[in-house]
Amino acid sequence: MKRQWESYSTERGGLVMSLSMMSVGESGRIIEFRGKDSMKRHLQDLGFIKGEKIEVVGENQSGLILLVKGVKIALNRGLASLIVVN
């Protein structure tokens, strides 16, 4: 089954995936947000901005620990799946 974000890989060059698919130690840049406008605004209020570098610094069963703008933020996998990175 083809994932929705795979269609971006040919347009943008490089690997494009959901943030929830990244492993500890990996980093990338935010390309876009999926979901309702209210959820997009919530993520932006937390510091997740298009073009911003993001790094996965830890993980557990329920989510990821991310480094964004020099700040560590815990995000559950459901929200992380709404963020598309490359």
Protein backbone atom coordinates (compact mmCIF):
# COMPACT_ATOMS: atom_id res chain seq x y z
CA MET A 1 0.00 0.00 0.00
CA LYS A 2 1.40 3.40 -0.98
CA ARG A 3 1.66 5.95 1.82
CA GLN A 4 0.31 9.44 1.17
CA TRP A 5 3.66 11.18 1.74
CA GLU A 6 5.58 8.96 -0.72
CA SER A 7 4.24 11.03 -3.61
CA TYR A 8 6.35 13.95 -2.40
CA SER A 9 9.66 12.12 -2.77
CA THR A 10 9.85 12.67 -6.53
CA GLU A 11 8.66 16.28 -6.37
CA ARG A 12 11.02 17.47 -3.65
CA GLY A 13 14.00 15.15 -4.13
CA GLY A 14 15.21 12.95 -1.30
CA LEU A 15 13.29 10.79 1.12
CA VAL A 16 10.06 12.23 2.47
CA MET A 17 8.18 10.60 5.33
CA SER A 18 6.02 11.13 8.37
CA LEU A 19 7.92 12.30 11.45
CA SER A 20 6.55 9.27 13.32
CA MET A 21 8.66 7.01 11.05
CA MET A 22 11.98 8.60 12.07
CA SER A 23 14.38 6.87 14.48
CA VAL A 24 16.46 8.24 17.33
CA GLY A 25 19.40 10.23 15.97
CA GLU A 26 17.73 11.11 12.68
CA SER A 27 16.98 14.69 11.72
CA GLY A 28 15.17 16.45 8.92
CA ARG A 29 13.24 19.54 7.94
CA ILE A 30 9.50 20.03 8.24
CA ILE A 31 7.83 20.12 4.82
CA GLU A 32 4.14 20.27 5.69
CA PHE A 33 1.40 19.40 8.15
CA ARG A 34 -1.55 17.09 7.63
CA GLY A 35 -4.86 17.13 9.46
CA LYS A 36 -7.39 19.78 10.41
CA ASP A 37 -6.46 23.46 10.50
CA SER A 38 -6.86 23.57 14.28
CA MET A 39 -4.31 20.77 14.67
CA LYS A 40 -1.91 22.50 12.29
CA ARG A 41 -2.17 25.68 14.36
CA HIS A 42 -1.58 23.73 17.56
CA LEU A 43 1.61 22.20 16.15
CA GLN A 44 2.80 25.60 14.94
CA ASP A 45 2.11 27.08 18.39
CA LEU A 46 4.40 24.39 19.83
CA GLY A 47 7.22 25.54 17.52
CA PHE A 48 6.79 23.18 14.58
CA ILE A 49 7.24 25.51 11.59
CA LYS A 50 7.70 24.62 7.90
CA GLY A 51 11.38 24.60 7.00
CA GLU A 52 12.49 24.19 10.64
CA LYS A 53 15.08 21.52 11.45
CA ILE A 54 13.84 18.76 13.75
CA GLU A 55 15.76 15.92 15.42
CA VAL A 56 14.54 12.79 17.19
CA VAL A 57 16.51 12.56 20.45
CA GLY A 58 14.50 9.83 22.19
CA GLU A 59 11.45 7.61 22.00
CA ASN A 60 9.18 5.41 24.08
CA GLN A 61 6.04 3.34 23.46
CA SER A 62 3.73 6.32 23.21
CA GLY A 63 5.81 8.88 21.35
CA LEU A 64 8.95 10.72 20.40
CA ILE A 65 11.19 13.22 22.14
CA LEU A 66 12.15 15.89 19.63
CA LEU A 67 14.59 18.76 19.50
CA VAL A 68 13.08 21.82 17.79
CA LYS A 69 14.66 25.27 17.99
CA GLY A 70 16.92 24.07 20.79
CA VAL A 71 13.97 22.89 22.92
CA LYS A 72 13.05 19.28 23.71
CA ILE A 73 9.40 18.48 23.11
CA ALA A 74 7.58 15.18 23.68
CA LEU A 75 5.00 14.40 21.01
CA ASN A 76 2.75 11.35 20.73
CA ARG A 77 2.99 9.29 17.56
CA GLY A 78 -0.48 10.36 16.44
CA LEU A 79 0.54 14.01 16.26
CA ALA A 80 3.97 13.11 14.87
CA SER A 81 2.26 11.29 11.99
CA LEU A 82 0.70 14.61 10.91
CA ILE A 83 4.13 16.19 10.30
CA VAL A 84 5.85 15.45 6.97
CA VAL A 85 9.65 15.75 6.92
CA ASN A 86 12.55 15.15 4.56
